[in-house]
Amino acid sequence: MPRLLSVCFALLLSCASAAAQDWPARPVHLIVPYSAGGGTDTVARVLAQKLSLSLGQQFVVENKPGASGMIGAAAVAKAAPDGYTLLVASPAEIALNQNLFTAMTYDPLKELAPITLLAWTPLVLAAHPNFPASTPQEFVALARKEQVDFSTPGIGSSHHLTGEYMNYVAHTKLTHVPYRGAAPAVTDAVAGQVKLTISGMPPVVPFLKADKLKAIAVTSKKRFPLFPDIPAMSEIKGFEDFDFTNWFGLLAPAGTPQPVLDKLNKAAVEALKDEQVRKILESQAAVAVGNTSEEFRKFILDEAARYKKIVEITHVKIQ
């Protein structure tokens, strides 16, 4: 019997290895759980183009926005674990929503397999040029005196938690206005429909360069090296430990054959080393990463634990 089990195990490994060699035999779908034009979408499209070239099959980006990224993420979690449906994710649908929402249709830590951390970018507080505050200090003083509405890609996003955490730390009067993705949230800030947007850098950069938005502060622990003139919120009193970043990761349905996951990791990491890919990401203020699946898994667990504490502090809970 032990010999029979060994033979069966060897056959399974052989089949999995053969499947990895054949993969991809048809187009691969990259699901972005937000609308086109946002930071997650931008990173996904850069990656898709490079993977299409390196792996010889088309990688197609599909936008499935809604429910703070959970519609798209759930679609991948429930998809066939064959390597043909992948998720390009942000913190909300992987490390944050399970701490915020009382009901979810998927378990991100059990039903999704981490492949690699693709890139990161700070969040940025940006406003119309006519907004009366231009520095972090002026902004906090203004938001303590009067209500300031702020747009984000959706309820429960890290952008949303950033605003709520500022309310907790500084007793500001920030009012959340959720959108179905970063692009419309930023567009309405450009048009003056909302006073402020809290966004990842990629969708904001073109408007900063065109002077259609002004950056008040980044939310990372230190100033972002690609935009060193933008102050960090952590530079002002009371915000010393303030640190929110937006990151983008590649994941597959749990149960995807390990050889396929390994092949995906290798291809994605190599893509992120490409000079042209890094330059494109840097032009959108995103820094390429590329790590092992285990490193990415640990990163997700650490982020989930950190956001759990923030949710407890801010008392944000969504039905």
C-alpha atoms as a PDB file:
ATOM      1  CA  MET A   1       0.000   0.000   0.000  1.00  0.00           C
ATOM      2  CA  PRO A   2       2.738   2.582   0.814  1.00  0.00           C
ATOM      3  CA  ARG A   3       4.315   1.852  -2.568  1.00  0.00           C
ATOM      4  CA  LEU A   4       0.945   2.333  -4.290  1.00  0.00           C
ATOM      5  CA  LEU A   5       0.471   5.682  -2.530  1.00  0.00           C
ATOM      6  CA  SER A   6       3.962   6.743  -3.578  1.00  0.00           C
ATOM      7  CA  VAL A   7       3.202   5.844  -7.185  1.00  0.00           C
ATOM      8  CA  CYS A   8      -0.101   7.782  -7.079  1.00  0.00           C
ATOM      9  CA  PHE A   9       1.646  10.811  -5.571  1.00  0.00           C
ATOM     10  CA  ALA A  10       4.315  10.686  -8.254  1.00  0.00           C
ATOM     11  CA  LEU A  11       1.645  10.515 -10.948  1.00  0.00           C
ATOM     12  CA  LEU A  12      -0.119  13.542  -9.472  1.00  0.00           C
ATOM     13  CA  LEU A  13       3.119  15.509  -9.429  1.00  0.00           C
ATOM     14  CA  SER A  14       3.800  14.476 -13.001  1.00  0.00           C
ATOM     15  CA  CYS A  15       0.332  15.622 -14.101  1.00  0.00           C
ATOM     16  CA  ALA A  16       0.714  18.936 -12.279  1.00  0.00           C
ATOM     17  CA  SER A  17       4.118  19.486 -13.869  1.00  0.00           C
ATOM     18  CA  ALA A  18       2.688  18.719 -17.316  1.00  0.00           C
ATOM     19  CA  ALA A  19      -0.171  21.134 -16.691  1.00  0.00           C
ATOM     20  CA  ALA A  20       2.315  23.860 -15.801  1.00  0.00           C
ATOM     21  CA  GLN A  21       4.306  23.181 -18.976  1.00  0.00           C
ATOM     22  CA  ASP A  22       1.160  23.515 -21.088  1.00  0.00           C
ATOM     23  CA  TRP A  23      -0.076  26.578 -19.229  1.00  0.00           C
ATOM     24  CA  PRO A  24      -1.125  29.009 -20.587  1.00  0.00           C
ATOM     25  CA  ALA A  25      -2.826  27.318 -23.541  1.00  0.00           C
ATOM     26  CA  ARG A  26      -5.489  30.011 -23.904  1.00  0.00           C
ATOM     27  CA  PRO A  27      -6.005  33.674 -22.855  1.00  0.00           C
ATOM     28  CA  VAL A  28      -5.648  34.469 -19.142  1.00  0.00           C
ATOM     29  CA  HIS A  29      -8.059  36.895 -17.486  1.00  0.00           C
ATOM     30  CA  LEU A  30      -6.727  39.431 -14.986  1.00  0.00           C
ATOM     31  CA  ILE A  31      -9.645  40.644 -12.871  1.00  0.00           C
ATOM     32  CA  VAL A  32      -9.397  44.198 -11.547  1.00  0.00           C
ATOM     33  CA  PRO A  33     -12.065  44.786  -8.884  1.00  0.00           C
ATOM     34  CA  TYR A  34     -12.288  48.522  -9.654  1.00  0.00           C
ATOM     35  CA  SER A  35     -13.188  50.651 -12.636  1.00  0.00           C
ATOM     36  CA  ALA A  36     -10.745  51.403 -15.445  1.00  0.00           C
ATOM     37  CA  GLY A  37      -8.301  54.251 -14.951  1.00  0.00           C
ATOM     38  CA  GLY A  38      -7.492  53.715 -11.266  1.00  0.00           C
ATOM     39  CA  GLY A  39      -4.204  52.657  -9.710  1.00  0.00           C
ATOM     40  CA  THR A  40      -5.016  48.928  -9.623  1.00  0.00           C
ATOM     41  CA  ASP A  41      -6.121  49.052 -13.251  1.00  0.00           C
ATOM     42  CA  THR A  42      -2.953  50.865 -14.302  1.00  0.00           C
ATOM     43  CA  VAL A  43      -0.676  48.287 -12.679  1.00  0.00           C
ATOM     44  CA  ALA A  44      -2.736  45.406 -14.118  1.00  0.00           C
ATOM     45  CA  ARG A  45      -2.490  46.693 -17.677  1.00  0.00           C
ATOM     46  CA  VAL A  46       1.278  47.189 -17.502  1.00  0.00           C
ATOM     47  CA  LEU A  47       1.651  43.665 -16.136  1.00  0.00           C
ATOM     48  CA  ALA A  48      -0.753  42.147 -18.673  1.00  0.00           C
ATOM     49  CA  GLN A  49       1.168  43.585 -21.590  1.00  0.00           C
ATOM     50  CA  LYS A  50       4.479  42.192 -20.358  1.00  0.00           C
ATOM     51  CA  LEU A  51       3.096  38.756 -19.430  1.00  0.00           C
ATOM     52  CA  SER A  52       1.428  38.459 -22.834  1.00  0.00           C
ATOM     53  CA  LEU A  53       4.832  38.868 -24.450  1.00  0.00           C
ATOM     54  CA  SER A  54       6.799  36.623 -22.106  1.00  0.00           C
ATOM     55  CA  LEU A  55       4.294  33.751 -21.865  1.00  0.00           C
ATOM     56  CA  GLY A  56       2.980  33.795 -25.422  1.00  0.00           C
ATOM     57  CA  GLN A  57      -0.711  34.111 -24.596  1.00  0.00           C
ATOM     58  CA  GLN A  58      -2.940  37.132 -24.256  1.00  0.00           C
ATOM     59  CA  PHE A  59      -3.514  38.411 -20.712  1.00  0.00           C
ATOM     60  CA  VAL A  60      -6.846  40.237 -20.758  1.00  0.00           C
ATOM     61  CA  VAL A  61      -7.736  42.830 -18.111  1.00  0.00           C
ATOM     62  CA  GLU A  62     -11.364  42.752 -16.981  1.00  0.00           C
ATOM     63  CA  ASN A  63     -12.824  45.395 -14.667  1.00  0.00           C
ATOM     64  CA  LYS A  64     -15.411  44.102 -12.184  1.00  0.00           C
ATOM     65  CA  PRO A  65     -16.016  47.012  -9.792  1.00  0.00           C
ATOM     66  CA  GLY A  66     -18.359  47.156  -6.852  1.00  0.00           C
ATOM     67  CA  ALA A  67     -18.734  46.462  -3.117  1.00  0.00           C
ATOM     68  CA  SER A  68     -15.291  47.829  -2.232  1.00  0.00           C
ATOM     69  CA  GLY A  69     -13.573  45.378  -4.551  1.00  0.00           C
ATOM     70  CA  MET A  70     -15.422  42.346  -3.227  1.00  0.00           C
ATOM     71  CA  ILE A  71     -17.391  41.591  -6.406  1.00  0.00           C
ATOM     72  CA  GLY A  72     -14.254  41.127  -8.481  1.00  0.00           C
ATOM     73  CA  ALA A  73     -12.329  39.377  -5.713  1.00  0.00           C
ATOM     74  CA  ALA A  74     -15.183  36.948  -5.045  1.00  0.00           C
ATOM     75  CA  ALA A  75     -15.371  36.141  -8.769  1.00  0.00           C
ATOM     76  CA  VAL A  76     -11.733  35.043  -8.684  1.00  0.00           C
ATOM     77  CA  ALA A  77     -12.028  33.209  -5.354  1.00  0.00           C
ATOM     78  CA  LYS A  78     -14.885  31.125  -6.800  1.00  0.00           C
ATOM     79  CA  ALA A  79     -13.285  30.624 -10.233  1.00  0.00           C
ATOM     80  CA  ALA A  80     -11.783  27.357 -11.439  1.00  0.00           C
ATOM     81  CA  PRO A  81      -8.275  26.994  -9.940  1.00  0.00           C
ATOM     82  CA  ASP A  82      -6.584  26.459 -13.284  1.00  0.00           C
ATOM     83  CA  GLY A  83      -4.463  29.604 -13.682  1.00  0.00           C
ATOM     84  CA  TYR A  84      -6.744  31.251 -16.230  1.00  0.00           C
ATOM     85  CA  THR A  85      -8.506  33.654 -13.837  1.00  0.00           C
ATOM     86  CA  LEU A  86      -6.276  35.838 -11.676  1.00  0.00           C
ATOM     87  CA  LEU A  87      -6.810  38.825  -9.382  1.00  0.00           C
ATOM     88  CA  VAL A  88      -4.884  42.082  -9.301  1.00  0.00           C
ATOM     89  CA  ALA A  89      -5.779  43.285  -5.834  1.00  0.00           C
ATOM     90  CA  SER A  90      -5.388  46.220  -3.475  1.00  0.00           C
ATOM     91  CA  PRO A  91      -5.461  46.110   0.359  1.00  0.00           C
ATOM     92  CA  ALA A  92      -9.247  46.442   0.672  1.00  0.00           C
ATOM     93  CA  GLU A  93     -10.366  43.154  -0.800  1.00  0.00           C
ATOM     94  CA  ILE A  94      -7.461  41.135   0.656  1.00  0.00           C
ATOM     95  CA  ALA A  95      -6.423  42.557   4.038  1.00  0.00           C
ATOM     96  CA  LEU A  96      -9.085  45.031   5.090  1.00  0.00           C
ATOM     97  CA  ASN A  97     -12.657  44.095   4.189  1.00  0.00           C
ATOM     98  CA  GLN A  98     -12.783  41.037   6.466  1.00  0.00           C
ATOM     99  CA  ASN A  99     -12.256  43.410   9.388  1.00  0.00           C
ATOM    100  CA  LEU A 100     -14.886  45.902   8.200  1.00  0.00           C
ATOM    101  CA  PHE A 101     -17.802  44.031   6.713  1.00  0.00           C
ATOM    102  CA  THR A 102     -20.108  41.839   8.772  1.00  0.00           C
ATOM    103  CA  ALA A 103     -20.689  39.503   5.833  1.00  0.00           C
ATOM    104  CA  MET A 104     -18.469  38.472   2.927  1.00  0.00           C
ATOM    105  CA  THR A 105     -18.988  35.870   0.213  1.00  0.00           C
ATOM    106  CA  TYR A 106     -15.348  34.751   0.219  1.00  0.00           C
ATOM    107  CA  ASP A 107     -12.455  34.344   2.652  1.00  0.00           C
ATOM    108  CA  PRO A 108      -9.444  36.173   1.187  1.00  0.00           C
ATOM    109  CA  LEU A 109      -6.940  34.392   3.420  1.00  0.00           C
ATOM    110  CA  LYS A 110      -8.243  30.913   2.575  1.00  0.00           C
ATOM    111  CA  GLU A 111      -9.711  31.141  -0.933  1.00  0.00           C
ATOM    112  CA  LEU A 112      -6.994  33.157  -2.672  1.00  0.00           C
ATOM    113  CA  ALA A 113      -3.397  32.085  -3.232  1.00  0.00           C
ATOM    114  CA  PRO A 114      -0.763  34.866  -3.107  1.00  0.00           C
ATOM    115  CA  ILE A 115       1.618  34.991  -6.062  1.00  0.00           C
ATOM    116  CA  THR A 116       3.627  38.198  -5.646  1.00  0.00           C
ATOM    117  CA  LEU A 117       3.461  41.778  -4.420  1.00  0.00           C
ATOM    118  CA  LEU A 118       3.554  43.815  -7.610  1.00  0.00           C
ATOM    119  CA  ALA A 119       4.035  47.433  -6.532  1.00  0.00           C
ATOM    120  CA  TRP A 120       3.229  50.016  -3.906  1.00  0.00           C
ATOM    121  CA  THR A 121       2.465  53.712  -3.792  1.00  0.00           C
ATOM    122  CA  PRO A 122       1.576  56.134  -1.022  1.00  0.00           C
ATOM    123  CA  LEU A 123      -1.896  57.508  -0.797  1.00  0.00           C
ATOM    124  CA  VAL A 124      -2.121  61.225  -1.400  1.00  0.00           C
ATOM    125  CA  LEU A 125      -4.449  63.934  -0.192  1.00  0.00           C
ATOM    126  CA  ALA A 126      -5.180  66.042  -3.263  1.00  0.00           C
ATOM    127  CA  ALA A 127      -7.579  68.905  -3.814  1.00  0.00           C
ATOM    128  CA  HIS A 128      -8.707  71.420  -6.400  1.00  0.00           C
ATOM    129  CA  PRO A 129      -6.239  74.343  -6.698  1.00  0.00           C
ATOM    130  CA  ASN A 130      -8.881  76.635  -5.151  1.00  0.00           C
ATOM    131  CA  PHE A 131      -9.080  74.594  -1.956  1.00  0.00           C
ATOM    132  CA  PRO A 132      -8.132  76.979   0.871  1.00  0.00           C
ATOM    133  CA  ALA A 133      -5.535  74.668   2.485  1.00  0.00           C
ATOM    134  CA  SER A 134      -2.226  73.820   0.839  1.00  0.00           C
ATOM    135  CA  THR A 135      -0.139  72.225   3.614  1.00  0.00           C
ATOM    136  CA  PRO A 136      -0.855  69.409   6.074  1.00  0.00           C
ATOM    137  CA  GLN A 137      -1.003  71.911   8.932  1.00  0.00           C
ATOM    138  CA  GLU A 138      -3.469  74.165   7.097  1.00  0.00           C
ATOM    139  CA  PHE A 139      -5.547  71.170   6.107  1.00  0.00           C
ATOM    140  CA  VAL A 140      -5.876  69.816   9.657  1.00  0.00           C
ATOM    141  CA  ALA A 141      -6.734  73.278  10.995  1.00  0.00           C
ATOM    142  CA  LEU A 142      -9.430  73.748   8.337  1.00  0.00           C
ATOM    143  CA  ALA A 143     -10.889  70.263   8.774  1.00  0.00           C
ATOM    144  CA  ARG A 144     -11.194  70.803  12.523  1.00  0.00           C
ATOM    145  CA  LYS A 145     -13.277  73.926  11.947  1.00  0.00           C
ATOM    146  CA  GLU A 146     -15.546  72.805   9.107  1.00  0.00           C
ATOM    147  CA  GLN A 147     -16.768  69.728   7.305  1.00  0.00           C
ATOM    148  CA  VAL A 148     -14.580  68.584   4.416  1.00  0.00           C
ATOM    149  CA  ASP A 149     -15.925  65.896   2.110  1.00  0.00           C
ATOM    150  CA  PHE A 150     -13.403  63.479   0.616  1.00  0.00           C
ATOM    151  CA  SER A 151     -13.766  61.027  -2.253  1.00  0.00           C
ATOM    152  CA  THR A 152     -12.293  57.512  -2.324  1.00  0.00           C
ATOM    153  CA  PRO A 153     -12.525  54.427  -4.572  1.00  0.00           C
ATOM    154  CA  GLY A 154     -15.114  52.914  -2.240  1.00  0.00           C
ATOM    155  CA  ILE A 155     -16.438  52.097   1.205  1.00  0.00           C
ATOM    156  CA  GLY A 156     -13.978  50.065   3.213  1.00  0.00           C
ATOM    157  CA  SER A 157     -10.954  50.930   1.080  1.00  0.00           C
ATOM    158  CA  SER A 158      -7.651  51.834   2.726  1.00  0.00           C
ATOM    159  CA  HIS A 159      -8.334  55.346   1.409  1.00  0.00           C
ATOM    160  CA  HIS A 160     -11.589  55.411   3.408  1.00  0.00           C
ATOM    161  CA  LEU A 161      -9.816  54.174   6.565  1.00  0.00           C
ATOM    162  CA  THR A 162      -7.176  56.879   6.108  1.00  0.00           C
ATOM    163  CA  GLY A 163      -9.812  59.602   6.397  1.00  0.00           C
ATOM    164  CA  GLU A 164     -11.536  57.938   9.352  1.00  0.00           C
ATOM    165  CA  TYR A 165      -8.199  57.508  11.118  1.00  0.00           C
ATOM    166  CA  MET A 166      -7.469  61.223  10.638  1.00  0.00           C
ATOM    167  CA  ASN A 167     -10.815  61.980  12.266  1.00  0.00           C
ATOM    168  CA  TYR A 168      -9.778  59.799  15.208  1.00  0.00           C
ATOM    169  CA  VAL A 169      -6.270  61.259  15.549  1.00  0.00           C
ATOM    170  CA  ALA A 170      -7.000  64.949  14.990  1.00  0.00           C
ATOM    171  CA  HIS A 171     -10.762  65.292  15.631  1.00  0.00           C
ATOM    172  CA  THR A 172     -11.267  66.539  12.104  1.00  0.00           C
ATOM    173  CA  LYS A 173     -14.646  66.668  10.335  1.00  0.00           C
ATOM    174  CA  LEU A 174     -13.912  64.635   7.232  1.00  0.00           C
ATOM    175  CA  THR A 175     -16.995  63.188   5.519  1.00  0.00           C
ATOM    176  CA  HIS A 176     -16.595  60.175   3.275  1.00  0.00           C
ATOM    177  CA  VAL A 177     -17.962  60.189  -0.296  1.00  0.00           C
ATOM    178  CA  PRO A 178     -17.420  56.706  -1.835  1.00  0.00           C
ATOM    179  CA  TYR A 179     -17.130  56.074  -5.578  1.00  0.00           C
ATOM    180  CA  ARG A 180     -16.929  52.942  -7.727  1.00  0.00           C
ATOM    181  CA  GLY A 181     -13.215  53.249  -8.346  1.00  0.00           C
ATOM    182  CA  ALA A 182     -10.368  55.759  -8.171  1.00  0.00           C
ATOM    183  CA  ALA A 183     -10.866  57.354 -11.585  1.00  0.00           C
ATOM    184  CA  PRO A 184     -14.340  58.844 -10.908  1.00  0.00           C
ATOM    185  CA  ALA A 185     -13.314  59.795  -7.372  1.00  0.00           C
ATOM    186  CA  VAL A 186     -10.359  61.797  -8.709  1.00  0.00           C
ATOM    187  CA  THR A 187     -12.326  63.249 -11.626  1.00  0.00           C
ATOM    188  CA  ASP A 188     -14.904  64.780  -9.292  1.00  0.00           C
ATOM    189  CA  ALA A 189     -12.140  66.347  -7.209  1.00  0.00           C
ATOM    190  CA  VAL A 190     -10.708  67.901 -10.384  1.00  0.00           C
ATOM    191  CA  ALA A 191     -14.182  69.256 -11.187  1.00  0.00           C
ATOM    192  CA  GLY A 192     -14.625  70.600  -7.651  1.00  0.00           C
ATOM    193  CA  GLN A 193     -17.603  68.322  -6.948  1.00  0.00           C
ATOM    194  CA  VAL A 194     -15.823  67.159  -3.789  1.00  0.00           C
ATOM    195  CA  LYS A 195     -13.340  69.202  -1.798  1.00  0.00           C
ATOM    196  CA  LEU A 196     -10.686  66.521  -1.415  1.00  0.00           C
ATOM    197  CA  THR A 197      -9.721  63.114  -2.758  1.00  0.00           C
ATOM    198  CA  ILE A 198      -7.691  60.481  -0.949  1.00  0.00           C
ATOM    199  CA  SER A 199      -6.205  58.430  -3.743  1.00  0.00           C
ATOM    200  CA  GLY A 200      -3.323  56.269  -4.751  1.00  0.00           C
ATOM    201  CA  MET A 201      -0.775  58.274  -6.703  1.00  0.00           C
ATOM    202  CA  PRO A 202      -1.220  56.751 -10.203  1.00  0.00           C
ATOM    203  CA  PRO A 203      -4.605  58.305 -11.109  1.00  0.00           C
ATOM    204  CA  VAL A 204      -3.622  61.655  -9.555  1.00  0.00           C
ATOM    205  CA  VAL A 205      -0.216  62.200 -11.170  1.00  0.00           C
ATOM    206  CA  PRO A 206      -1.473  63.536 -14.562  1.00  0.00           C
ATOM    207  CA  PHE A 207      -3.641  66.120 -12.801  1.00  0.00           C
ATOM    208  CA  LEU A 208      -0.799  67.172 -10.505  1.00  0.00           C
ATOM    209  CA  LYS A 209       1.447  67.706 -13.520  1.00  0.00           C
ATOM    210  CA  ALA A 210      -1.288  69.716 -15.276  1.00  0.00           C
ATOM    211  CA  ASP A 211      -1.909  71.818 -12.124  1.00  0.00           C
ATOM    212  CA  LYS A 212      -5.536  70.659 -12.041  1.00  0.00           C
ATOM    213  CA  LEU A 213      -5.028  69.230  -8.558  1.00  0.00           C
ATOM    214  CA  LYS A 214      -2.657  70.152  -5.754  1.00  0.00           C
ATOM    215  CA  ALA A 215      -1.085  67.610  -3.423  1.00  0.00           C
ATOM    216  CA  ILE A 216      -1.437  68.451   0.251  1.00  0.00           C
ATOM    217  CA  ALA A 217       0.374  65.436   1.694  1.00  0.00           C
ATOM    218  CA  VAL A 218       1.293  61.801   1.185  1.00  0.00           C
ATOM    219  CA  THR A 219       0.246  59.252   3.779  1.00  0.00           C
ATOM    220  CA  SER A 220       3.385  57.097   3.881  1.00  0.00           C
ATOM    221  CA  LYS A 221       5.672  57.193   6.918  1.00  0.00           C
ATOM    222  CA  LYS A 222       8.223  59.281   5.021  1.00  0.00           C
ATOM    223  CA  ARG A 223       8.139  61.471   1.933  1.00  0.00           C
ATOM    224  CA  PHE A 224       7.796  59.530  -1.273  1.00  0.00           C
ATOM    225  CA  PRO A 225      11.177  59.544  -3.102  1.00  0.00           C
ATOM    226  CA  LEU A 226       9.544  59.999  -6.518  1.00  0.00           C
ATOM    227  CA  PHE A 227       7.793  63.189  -5.283  1.00  0.00           C
ATOM    228  CA  PRO A 228      10.076  64.510  -2.521  1.00  0.00           C
ATOM    229  CA  ASP A 229       8.495  67.975  -2.480  1.00  0.00           C
ATOM    230  CA  ILE A 230       5.159  66.641  -1.196  1.00  0.00           C
ATOM    231  CA  PRO A 231       5.193  66.596   2.626  1.00  0.00           C
ATOM    232  CA  ALA A 232       4.120  63.539   4.610  1.00  0.00           C
ATOM    233  CA  MET A 233       1.270  63.708   7.129  1.00  0.00           C
ATOM    234  CA  SER A 234       3.661  62.116   9.646  1.00  0.00           C
ATOM    235  CA  GLU A 235       5.666  65.340   9.714  1.00  0.00           C
ATOM    236  CA  ILE A 236       3.064  67.173  11.805  1.00  0.00           C
ATOM    237  CA  LYS A 237       2.357  66.806  15.519  1.00  0.00           C
ATOM    238  CA  GLY A 238      -0.017  64.010  16.394  1.00  0.00           C
ATOM    239  CA  PHE A 239       0.584  62.132  13.125  1.00  0.00           C
ATOM    240  CA  GLU A 240       4.062  60.781  13.835  1.00  0.00           C
ATOM    241  CA  ASP A 241       2.974  57.144  13.387  1.00  0.00           C
ATOM    242  CA  PHE A 242       0.705  57.836  10.425  1.00  0.00           C
ATOM    243  CA  ASP A 243       1.453  55.339   7.654  1.00  0.00           C
ATOM    244  CA  PHE A 244      -0.994  54.264   4.929  1.00  0.00           C
ATOM    245  CA  THR A 245       0.130  52.927   1.582  1.00  0.00           C
ATOM    246  CA  ASN A 246      -1.692  51.445  -1.362  1.00  0.00           C
ATOM    247  CA  TRP A 247      -0.256  48.212  -2.721  1.00  0.00           C
ATOM    248  CA  PHE A 248      -1.084  45.911  -5.580  1.00  0.00           C
ATOM    249  CA  GLY A 249      -0.775  42.137  -5.564  1.00  0.00           C
ATOM    250  CA  LEU A 250      -1.310  39.204  -7.897  1.00  0.00           C
ATOM    251  CA  LEU A 251      -3.373  36.276  -6.604  1.00  0.00           C
ATOM    252  CA  ALA A 252      -5.051  33.134  -7.934  1.00  0.00           C
ATOM    253  CA  PRO A 253      -7.895  30.935  -6.698  1.00  0.00           C
ATOM    254  CA  ALA A 254      -6.775  28.629  -3.888  1.00  0.00           C
ATOM    255  CA  GLY A 255      -6.077  25.169  -5.227  1.00  0.00           C
ATOM    256  CA  THR A 256      -4.330  26.381  -8.369  1.00  0.00           C
ATOM    257  CA  PRO A 257      -1.547  23.836  -9.091  1.00  0.00           C
ATOM    258  CA  GLN A 258       1.703  24.875  -7.436  1.00  0.00           C
ATOM    259  CA  PRO A 259       3.743  24.546 -10.655  1.00  0.00           C
ATOM    260  CA  VAL A 260       1.373  27.052 -12.309  1.00  0.00           C
ATOM    261  CA  LEU A 261       1.712  29.419  -9.335  1.00  0.00           C
ATOM    262  CA  ASP A 262       5.496  29.082  -9.488  1.00  0.00           C
ATOM    263  CA  LYS A 263       5.497  29.809 -13.222  1.00  0.00           C
ATOM    264  CA  LEU A 264       3.299  32.864 -12.642  1.00  0.00           C
ATOM    265  CA  ASN A 265       5.530  34.119  -9.844  1.00  0.00           C
ATOM    266  CA  LYS A 266       8.660  33.767 -11.963  1.00  0.00           C
ATOM    267  CA  ALA A 267       7.069  35.512 -14.947  1.00  0.00           C
ATOM    268  CA  ALA A 268       5.608  38.353 -12.864  1.00  0.00           C
ATOM    269  CA  VAL A 269       8.842  38.965 -10.929  1.00  0.00           C
ATOM    270  CA  GLU A 270      10.817  39.024 -14.167  1.00  0.00           C
ATOM    271  CA  ALA A 271       8.292  41.454 -15.664  1.00  0.00           C
ATOM    272  CA  LEU A 272       8.751  43.773 -12.681  1.00  0.00           C
ATOM    273  CA  LYS A 273      12.525  43.749 -13.194  1.00  0.00           C
ATOM    274  CA  ASP A 274      12.094  45.018 -16.751  1.00  0.00           C
ATOM    275  CA  GLU A 275      13.447  48.560 -17.045  1.00  0.00           C
ATOM    276  CA  GLN A 276      10.582  49.724 -19.235  1.00  0.00           C
ATOM    277  CA  VAL A 277       7.969  48.304 -16.848  1.00  0.00           C
ATOM    278  CA  ARG A 278       9.635  49.994 -13.874  1.00  0.00           C
ATOM    279  CA  LYS A 279       9.781  53.310 -15.732  1.00  0.00           C
ATOM    280  CA  ILE A 280       6.092  53.107 -16.647  1.00  0.00           C
ATOM    281  CA  LEU A 281       5.170  52.362 -13.042  1.00  0.00           C
ATOM    282  CA  GLU A 282       7.422  55.152 -11.770  1.00  0.00           C
ATOM    283  CA  SER A 283       5.782  57.572 -14.215  1.00  0.00           C
ATOM    284  CA  GLN A 284       2.560  56.763 -12.370  1.00  0.00           C
ATOM    285  CA  ALA A 285       4.297  57.068  -8.970  1.00  0.00           C
ATOM    286  CA  ALA A 286       4.225  53.331  -8.253  1.00  0.00           C
ATOM    287  CA  VAL A 287       7.340  51.445  -7.155  1.00  0.00           C
ATOM    288  CA  ALA A 288       7.749  47.898  -8.489  1.00  0.00           C
ATOM    289  CA  VAL A 289       8.390  45.149  -5.916  1.00  0.00           C
ATOM    290  CA  GLY A 290       8.206  41.461  -6.941  1.00  0.00           C
ATOM    291  CA  ASN A 291       8.786  38.970  -4.110  1.00  0.00           C
ATOM    292  CA  THR A 292       8.185  35.292  -3.352  1.00  0.00           C
ATOM    293  CA  SER A 293       4.731  33.877  -2.733  1.00  0.00           C
ATOM    294  CA  GLU A 294       5.603  33.170   0.907  1.00  0.00           C
ATOM    295  CA  GLU A 295       6.905  36.699   1.431  1.00  0.00           C
ATOM    296  CA  PHE A 296       3.708  38.073  -0.053  1.00  0.00           C
ATOM    297  CA  ARG A 297       1.594  35.773   2.145  1.00  0.00           C
ATOM    298  CA  LYS A 298       3.348  37.034   5.290  1.00  0.00           C
ATOM    299  CA  PHE A 299       2.942  40.623   4.101  1.00  0.00           C
ATOM    300  CA  ILE A 300      -0.821  40.096   3.682  1.00  0.00           C
ATOM    301  CA  LEU A 301      -1.158  38.589   7.164  1.00  0.00           C
ATOM    302  CA  ASP A 302       0.748  41.517   8.690  1.00  0.00           C
ATOM    303  CA  GLU A 303      -1.406  44.042   6.816  1.00  0.00           C
ATOM    304  CA  ALA A 304      -4.613  42.283   7.899  1.00  0.00           C
ATOM    305  CA  ALA A 305      -3.514  42.405  11.547  1.00  0.00           C
ATOM    306  CA  ARG A 306      -2.618  46.096  11.272  1.00  0.00           C
ATOM    307  CA  TYR A 307      -5.929  47.037   9.665  1.00  0.00           C
ATOM    308  CA  LYS A 308      -7.814  45.051  12.288  1.00  0.00           C
ATOM    309  CA  LYS A 309      -6.349  47.339  14.951  1.00  0.00           C
ATOM    310  CA  ILE A 310      -7.206  50.460  12.932  1.00  0.00           C
ATOM    311  CA  VAL A 311     -10.797  49.308  12.445  1.00  0.00           C
ATOM    312  CA  GLU A 312     -11.108  48.689  16.190  1.00  0.00           C
ATOM    313  CA  ILE A 313      -9.752  52.160  16.951  1.00  0.00           C
ATOM    314  CA  THR A 314     -11.981  54.001  14.477  1.00  0.00           C
ATOM    315  CA  HIS A 315     -15.083  51.885  15.217  1.00  0.00           C
ATOM    316  CA  VAL A 316     -15.852  51.647  11.508  1.00  0.00           C
ATOM    317  CA  LYS A 317     -18.142  48.711  10.732  1.00  0.00           C
ATOM    318  CA  ILE A 318     -20.160  48.156   7.574  1.00  0.00           C
ATOM    319  CA  GLN A 319     -23.283  46.026   7.306  1.00  0.00           C
END
